[in-house]
């Protein structure tokens, strides 16, 4: 299973289902934050955070419900929709992107979905 194969991050136990987290600045330059201490993570004024979250973690819906997300974004993030699409609501871009897992030593390739939400805020919530 994908979650068991990834190395633990500095966020282990703090963000349920976190696969990875990136911060993007206004120029579109990304920086991986999975090894950064959580207290040092902030949303850039002219950028956004991108969290790749696994719906396999049963704690994820409750975690997302505590965030100040628009209802449409919350619905998207916990849905099982397999159609590709992005929406923007109240300053939040959210959607579903197809994700593929390929193992060359396996007999088949499995298709997985990638729930993604990106947002920016002057208050730095994530």
N, C-alpha and C. Protein backbone atom coordinates (compact mmCIF):
# COMPACT_ATOMS: atom_id res chain seq x y z
N UNK A 1 0.84 -1.18 0.00
CA UNK A 1 0.00 0.00 0.00
C UNK A 1 0.88 1.24 0.00
N UNK A 2 0.48 2.24 -0.72
CA UNK A 2 1.28 3.45 -0.89
C UNK A 2 1.65 4.09 0.44
N UNK A 3 0.70 4.20 1.37
CA UNK A 3 0.96 4.87 2.64
C UNK A 3 2.04 4.18 3.45
N UNK A 4 2.14 2.87 3.35
CA UNK A 4 3.14 2.14 4.13
C UNK A 4 4.52 2.26 3.53
N UNK A 5 4.61 2.62 2.26
CA UNK A 5 5.89 2.70 1.59
C UNK A 5 6.57 4.05 1.74
N UNK A 6 5.83 5.08 2.02
CA UNK A 6 6.43 6.40 2.11
C UNK A 6 7.13 6.57 3.46
N UNK A 7 8.21 7.33 3.48
CA UNK A 7 8.91 7.54 4.75
C UNK A 7 8.10 8.46 5.66
N UNK A 8 8.28 8.34 6.97
CA UNK A 8 7.57 9.24 7.88
C UNK A 8 8.03 10.68 7.65
N UNK A 9 7.14 11.62 7.88
CA UNK A 9 7.47 13.02 7.70
C UNK A 9 7.45 13.72 9.05
N UNK A 10 7.89 14.97 9.04
CA UNK A 10 7.84 15.78 10.26
C UNK A 10 6.40 16.02 10.69
N UNK A 11 5.45 15.80 9.78
CA UNK A 11 4.04 16.04 10.05
C UNK A 11 3.32 14.78 10.52
N UNK A 12 4.02 13.67 10.64
CA UNK A 12 3.38 12.41 11.02
C UNK A 12 2.54 12.60 12.27
N UNK A 13 1.28 12.21 12.18
CA UNK A 13 0.37 12.32 13.30
C UNK A 13 -0.32 13.67 13.42
N UNK A 14 0.15 14.68 12.69
CA UNK A 14 -0.46 16.01 12.77
C UNK A 14 -1.44 16.27 11.64
N UNK A 15 -1.15 15.74 10.46
CA UNK A 15 -2.05 15.89 9.32
C UNK A 15 -2.36 14.48 8.83
N UNK A 16 -3.54 13.96 9.17
CA UNK A 16 -3.89 12.60 8.78
C UNK A 16 -3.87 12.43 7.26
N UNK A 17 -3.30 11.34 6.81
CA UNK A 17 -3.30 11.02 5.39
C UNK A 17 -2.33 11.83 4.55
N UNK A 18 -1.47 12.62 5.18
CA UNK A 18 -0.54 13.45 4.40
C UNK A 18 0.46 12.57 3.66
N UNK A 19 0.52 12.74 2.35
CA UNK A 19 1.50 12.04 1.53
C UNK A 19 2.69 12.98 1.31
N UNK A 20 2.41 14.22 0.92
CA UNK A 20 3.44 15.24 0.81
C UNK A 20 2.82 16.62 0.88
N UNK A 21 3.70 17.61 1.11
CA UNK A 21 3.27 19.00 1.20
C UNK A 21 4.32 19.88 0.52
N UNK A 22 3.86 20.80 -0.32
CA UNK A 22 4.73 21.74 -1.01
C UNK A 22 4.23 23.16 -0.81
N UNK A 23 5.16 24.10 -0.76
CA UNK A 23 4.82 25.53 -0.74
C UNK A 23 5.27 26.10 -2.08
N UNK A 24 4.39 26.86 -2.74
CA UNK A 24 4.70 27.50 -4.00
C UNK A 24 4.65 29.01 -3.81
N UNK A 25 5.67 29.71 -4.35
CA UNK A 25 5.68 31.16 -4.25
C UNK A 25 4.99 31.78 -5.47
N UNK A 26 4.98 33.09 -5.55
CA UNK A 26 4.28 33.79 -6.63
C UNK A 26 4.85 33.46 -8.01
N UNK A 27 6.12 33.09 -8.07
CA UNK A 27 6.75 32.73 -9.34
C UNK A 27 6.47 31.29 -9.75
N UNK A 28 5.81 30.53 -8.88
CA UNK A 28 5.53 29.14 -9.17
C UNK A 28 6.63 28.19 -8.74
N UNK A 29 7.61 28.69 -8.03
CA UNK A 29 8.70 27.85 -7.54
C UNK A 29 8.20 27.06 -6.33
N UNK A 30 8.38 25.74 -6.39
CA UNK A 30 7.91 24.88 -5.32
C UNK A 30 9.03 24.45 -4.39
N UNK A 31 8.67 24.24 -3.14
CA UNK A 31 9.62 23.78 -2.13
C UNK A 31 8.95 22.67 -1.32
N UNK A 32 9.58 21.50 -1.29
CA UNK A 32 9.06 20.39 -0.50
C UNK A 32 9.17 20.73 0.98
N UNK A 33 8.11 20.47 1.73
CA UNK A 33 8.10 20.80 3.15
C UNK A 33 7.93 19.58 4.05
N UNK A 34 7.89 18.36 3.49
CA UNK A 34 7.59 17.20 4.32
C UNK A 34 8.62 16.95 5.42
N UNK A 35 9.82 17.48 5.29
CA UNK A 35 10.83 17.31 6.34
C UNK A 35 11.02 18.58 7.17
N UNK A 36 10.24 19.60 6.88
CA UNK A 36 10.32 20.88 7.59
C UNK A 36 9.53 20.79 8.89
N UNK A 37 10.04 21.32 10.00
CA UNK A 37 9.25 21.32 11.23
C UNK A 37 7.93 22.06 11.01
N UNK A 38 6.80 21.49 11.41
CA UNK A 38 5.49 22.11 11.17
C UNK A 38 5.39 23.56 11.63
N UNK A 39 6.07 23.92 12.71
CA UNK A 39 6.00 25.30 13.22
C UNK A 39 6.61 26.30 12.24
N UNK A 40 7.45 25.81 11.31
CA UNK A 40 8.10 26.70 10.35
C UNK A 40 7.35 26.79 9.02
N UNK A 41 6.23 26.11 8.89
CA UNK A 41 5.46 26.13 7.65
C UNK A 41 4.49 27.30 7.68
N UNK A 42 4.52 28.08 6.62
CA UNK A 42 3.59 29.20 6.50
C UNK A 42 3.13 29.30 5.05
N UNK A 43 1.99 29.91 4.86
CA UNK A 43 1.48 30.15 3.51
C UNK A 43 2.10 31.44 3.02
N UNK A 44 2.78 31.41 1.86
CA UNK A 44 3.38 32.65 1.37
C UNK A 44 2.28 33.65 1.00
N UNK A 45 2.60 34.95 1.14
CA UNK A 45 1.61 35.99 0.84
C UNK A 45 1.08 35.89 -0.59
N UNK A 46 1.95 35.58 -1.54
CA UNK A 46 1.56 35.51 -2.94
C UNK A 46 1.71 34.10 -3.49
N UNK A 47 1.45 33.10 -2.69
CA UNK A 47 1.60 31.72 -3.13
C UNK A 47 0.55 30.84 -2.49
N UNK A 48 0.87 29.56 -2.39
CA UNK A 48 -0.08 28.61 -1.82
C UNK A 48 0.63 27.37 -1.31
N UNK A 49 -0.06 26.59 -0.51
CA UNK A 49 0.40 25.28 -0.08
C UNK A 49 -0.38 24.23 -0.86
N UNK A 50 0.30 23.15 -1.21
CA UNK A 50 -0.37 22.02 -1.87
C UNK A 50 -0.13 20.80 -1.00
N UNK A 51 -1.22 20.25 -0.49
CA UNK A 51 -1.16 19.04 0.32
C UNK A 51 -1.74 17.89 -0.48
N UNK A 52 -0.99 16.81 -0.63
CA UNK A 52 -1.49 15.58 -1.24
C UNK A 52 -1.93 14.71 -0.06
N UNK A 53 -3.22 14.42 0.00
CA UNK A 53 -3.80 13.70 1.13
C UNK A 53 -4.38 12.37 0.67
N UNK A 54 -4.21 11.34 1.47
CA UNK A 54 -4.72 10.02 1.16
C UNK A 54 -6.06 9.79 1.85
N UNK A 55 -7.09 9.50 1.07
CA UNK A 55 -8.40 9.21 1.64
C UNK A 55 -8.43 7.86 2.35
N UNK A 56 -7.35 7.09 2.24
CA UNK A 56 -7.30 5.81 2.94
C UNK A 56 -7.23 6.01 4.46
N UNK A 57 -6.83 7.19 4.91
CA UNK A 57 -6.76 7.49 6.34
C UNK A 57 -8.14 7.91 6.83
N UNK A 58 -8.75 7.11 7.66
CA UNK A 58 -10.12 7.36 8.15
C UNK A 58 -10.22 8.63 8.99
N UNK A 59 -9.10 9.16 9.48
CA UNK A 59 -9.12 10.39 10.29
C UNK A 59 -9.20 11.66 9.44
N UNK A 60 -8.98 11.53 8.14
CA UNK A 60 -8.89 12.70 7.28
C UNK A 60 -10.17 13.54 7.25
N UNK A 61 -11.37 12.98 7.08
CA UNK A 61 -12.57 13.84 7.03
C UNK A 61 -12.74 14.71 8.29
N UNK A 62 -12.48 14.17 9.46
CA UNK A 62 -12.62 14.95 10.69
C UNK A 62 -11.57 16.07 10.74
N UNK A 63 -10.36 15.78 10.29
CA UNK A 63 -9.31 16.80 10.25
C UNK A 63 -9.71 17.94 9.31
N UNK A 64 -10.18 17.59 8.11
CA UNK A 64 -10.57 18.61 7.13
C UNK A 64 -11.74 19.44 7.62
N UNK A 65 -12.66 18.83 8.35
CA UNK A 65 -13.83 19.54 8.85
C UNK A 65 -13.44 20.65 9.85
N UNK A 66 -12.27 20.52 10.47
CA UNK A 66 -11.82 21.54 11.43
C UNK A 66 -11.15 22.74 10.75
N UNK A 67 -10.84 22.61 9.46
CA UNK A 67 -10.18 23.70 8.74
C UNK A 67 -11.21 24.68 8.20
N UNK A 68 -10.83 25.94 8.08
CA UNK A 68 -11.76 26.94 7.55
C UNK A 68 -11.86 26.86 6.02
N UNK A 69 -12.40 25.76 5.53
CA UNK A 69 -12.57 25.54 4.10
C UNK A 69 -14.00 25.81 3.68
N UNK A 70 -14.21 26.30 2.46
CA UNK A 70 -15.57 26.41 1.95
C UNK A 70 -16.21 25.02 1.88
N UNK A 71 -17.51 24.97 2.04
CA UNK A 71 -18.23 23.69 2.02
C UNK A 71 -17.97 22.90 0.74
N UNK A 72 -17.91 23.61 -0.40
CA UNK A 72 -17.66 22.92 -1.68
C UNK A 72 -16.30 22.24 -1.69
N UNK A 73 -15.28 22.89 -1.12
CA UNK A 73 -13.95 22.29 -1.07
C UNK A 73 -13.94 21.07 -0.16
N UNK A 74 -14.58 21.17 0.98
CA UNK A 74 -14.65 20.04 1.90
C UNK A 74 -15.35 18.85 1.24
N UNK A 75 -16.44 19.11 0.56
CA UNK A 75 -17.17 18.05 -0.13
C UNK A 75 -16.29 17.38 -1.18
N UNK A 76 -15.56 18.17 -1.95
CA UNK A 76 -14.66 17.61 -2.97
C UNK A 76 -13.59 16.74 -2.34
N UNK A 77 -13.00 17.21 -1.26
CA UNK A 77 -11.87 16.50 -0.67
C UNK A 77 -12.23 15.18 -0.03
N UNK A 78 -13.46 15.00 0.37
CA UNK A 78 -13.84 13.72 0.99
C UNK A 78 -14.69 12.86 0.06
N UNK A 79 -14.91 13.33 -1.16
CA UNK A 79 -15.72 12.55 -2.10
C UNK A 79 -14.90 11.42 -2.72
N UNK A 80 -15.57 10.51 -3.34
CA UNK A 80 -14.91 9.40 -4.05
C UNK A 80 -15.01 9.61 -5.57
N UNK A 81 -15.21 10.85 -5.98
CA UNK A 81 -15.33 11.18 -7.40
C UNK A 81 -14.04 10.81 -8.11
N UNK A 82 -14.15 10.23 -9.29
CA UNK A 82 -12.98 9.84 -10.07
C UNK A 82 -12.79 10.71 -11.31
N UNK A 83 -13.61 11.73 -11.48
CA UNK A 83 -13.50 12.60 -12.64
C UNK A 83 -12.51 13.72 -12.37
N UNK A 84 -11.68 13.99 -13.36
CA UNK A 84 -10.70 15.06 -13.25
C UNK A 84 -11.39 16.41 -13.29
N UNK A 85 -11.01 17.28 -12.39
CA UNK A 85 -11.57 18.62 -12.41
C UNK A 85 -11.07 19.47 -11.26
N UNK A 86 -11.03 20.77 -11.49
CA UNK A 86 -10.66 21.74 -10.46
C UNK A 86 -11.73 22.82 -10.41
N UNK A 87 -11.97 23.34 -9.22
CA UNK A 87 -12.93 24.41 -9.01
C UNK A 87 -12.29 25.45 -8.10
N UNK A 88 -12.80 26.66 -8.16
CA UNK A 88 -12.35 27.72 -7.26
C UNK A 88 -13.57 28.25 -6.52
N UNK A 89 -13.50 28.24 -5.21
CA UNK A 89 -14.57 28.75 -4.35
C UNK A 89 -13.95 29.52 -3.20
N UNK A 90 -14.33 30.77 -3.05
CA UNK A 90 -13.92 31.58 -1.90
C UNK A 90 -12.40 31.58 -1.69
N UNK A 91 -11.64 31.72 -2.77
CA UNK A 91 -10.18 31.79 -2.68
C UNK A 91 -9.50 30.45 -2.51
N UNK A 92 -10.23 29.36 -2.68
CA UNK A 92 -9.68 28.02 -2.52
C UNK A 92 -9.85 27.27 -3.84
N UNK A 93 -8.75 26.70 -4.34
CA UNK A 93 -8.81 25.85 -5.53
C UNK A 93 -8.81 24.42 -5.02
N UNK A 94 -9.77 23.63 -5.47
CA UNK A 94 -9.88 22.24 -5.01
C UNK A 94 -10.33 21.38 -6.16
N UNK A 95 -10.03 20.09 -6.08
CA UNK A 95 -10.46 19.21 -7.15
C UNK A 95 -9.87 17.83 -7.03
N UNK A 96 -10.07 17.06 -8.09
CA UNK A 96 -9.58 15.69 -8.16
C UNK A 96 -8.73 15.55 -9.41
N UNK A 97 -7.54 15.00 -9.25
CA UNK A 97 -6.64 14.74 -10.36
C UNK A 97 -6.33 13.25 -10.39
N UNK A 98 -6.28 12.64 -11.58
CA UNK A 98 -5.96 11.21 -11.62
C UNK A 98 -4.52 10.98 -11.20
N UNK A 99 -4.30 9.89 -10.53
CA UNK A 99 -2.97 9.52 -10.05
C UNK A 99 -2.77 8.06 -10.41
N UNK A 100 -1.60 7.71 -10.89
CA UNK A 100 -1.33 6.34 -11.27
C UNK A 100 -0.16 5.81 -10.45
N UNK A 101 -0.27 4.58 -10.04
CA UNK A 101 0.83 3.91 -9.36
C UNK A 101 1.31 2.82 -10.29
N UNK A 102 2.56 2.89 -10.67
CA UNK A 102 3.12 1.89 -11.57
C UNK A 102 4.24 1.16 -10.85
N UNK A 103 4.16 -0.14 -10.88
CA UNK A 103 5.22 -0.97 -10.32
C UNK A 103 5.70 -1.89 -11.43
N UNK A 104 6.94 -1.78 -11.77
CA UNK A 104 7.45 -2.55 -12.88
C UNK A 104 7.63 -4.02 -12.53
N UNK A 105 7.67 -4.35 -11.25
CA UNK A 105 7.79 -5.75 -10.86
C UNK A 105 6.42 -6.38 -10.60
N UNK A 106 5.36 -5.62 -10.78
CA UNK A 106 4.01 -6.14 -10.54
C UNK A 106 3.37 -6.53 -11.87
N UNK A 107 2.29 -7.27 -11.78
CA UNK A 107 1.61 -7.72 -12.99
C UNK A 107 0.69 -6.65 -13.58
N UNK A 108 0.32 -5.68 -12.78
CA UNK A 108 -0.60 -4.67 -13.30
C UNK A 108 -0.30 -3.30 -12.69
N UNK A 109 -0.86 -2.30 -13.31
CA UNK A 109 -0.76 -0.93 -12.83
C UNK A 109 -2.10 -0.57 -12.22
N UNK A 110 -2.06 -0.01 -11.03
CA UNK A 110 -3.30 0.38 -10.36
C UNK A 110 -3.55 1.86 -10.54
N UNK A 111 -4.79 2.20 -10.75
CA UNK A 111 -5.16 3.61 -10.86
C UNK A 111 -5.65 4.07 -9.50
N UNK A 112 -5.16 5.21 -9.07
CA UNK A 112 -5.59 5.80 -7.80
C UNK A 112 -6.01 7.22 -8.06
N UNK A 113 -6.78 7.77 -7.16
CA UNK A 113 -7.16 9.18 -7.30
C UNK A 113 -6.32 10.02 -6.35
N UNK A 114 -6.11 11.22 -6.75
CA UNK A 114 -5.31 12.16 -5.98
C UNK A 114 -6.20 13.32 -5.57
N UNK A 115 -6.70 13.33 -4.34
CA UNK A 115 -7.47 14.50 -3.93
C UNK A 115 -6.51 15.64 -3.64
N UNK A 116 -6.78 16.77 -4.18
CA UNK A 116 -5.85 17.88 -4.00
C UNK A 116 -6.61 19.13 -3.62
N UNK A 117 -6.04 19.87 -2.74
CA UNK A 117 -6.61 21.17 -2.40
C UNK A 117 -5.46 22.13 -2.21
N UNK A 118 -5.57 23.28 -2.81
CA UNK A 118 -4.57 24.31 -2.59
C UNK A 118 -5.30 25.58 -2.17
N UNK A 119 -4.70 26.31 -1.29
CA UNK A 119 -5.33 27.55 -0.87
C UNK A 119 -4.29 28.52 -0.37
N UNK A 120 -4.67 29.77 -0.36
CA UNK A 120 -3.77 30.77 0.19
C UNK A 120 -4.55 31.65 1.13
N UNK A 121 -3.88 32.16 2.11
CA UNK A 121 -4.55 33.01 3.09
C UNK A 121 -3.52 33.90 3.77
N UNK A 122 -3.90 35.12 4.00
CA UNK A 122 -3.00 36.05 4.70
C UNK A 122 -2.78 35.62 6.14
N UNK A 123 -3.69 34.84 6.70
CA UNK A 123 -3.55 34.41 8.09
C UNK A 123 -2.73 33.13 8.21
N UNK A 124 -2.41 32.51 7.10
CA UNK A 124 -1.55 31.33 7.13
C UNK A 124 -2.19 30.06 7.61
N UNK A 125 -3.48 29.89 7.40
CA UNK A 125 -4.10 28.63 7.80
C UNK A 125 -3.84 27.56 6.76
N UNK A 126 -3.77 26.33 7.23
CA UNK A 126 -3.55 25.19 6.33
C UNK A 126 -4.10 24.01 6.93
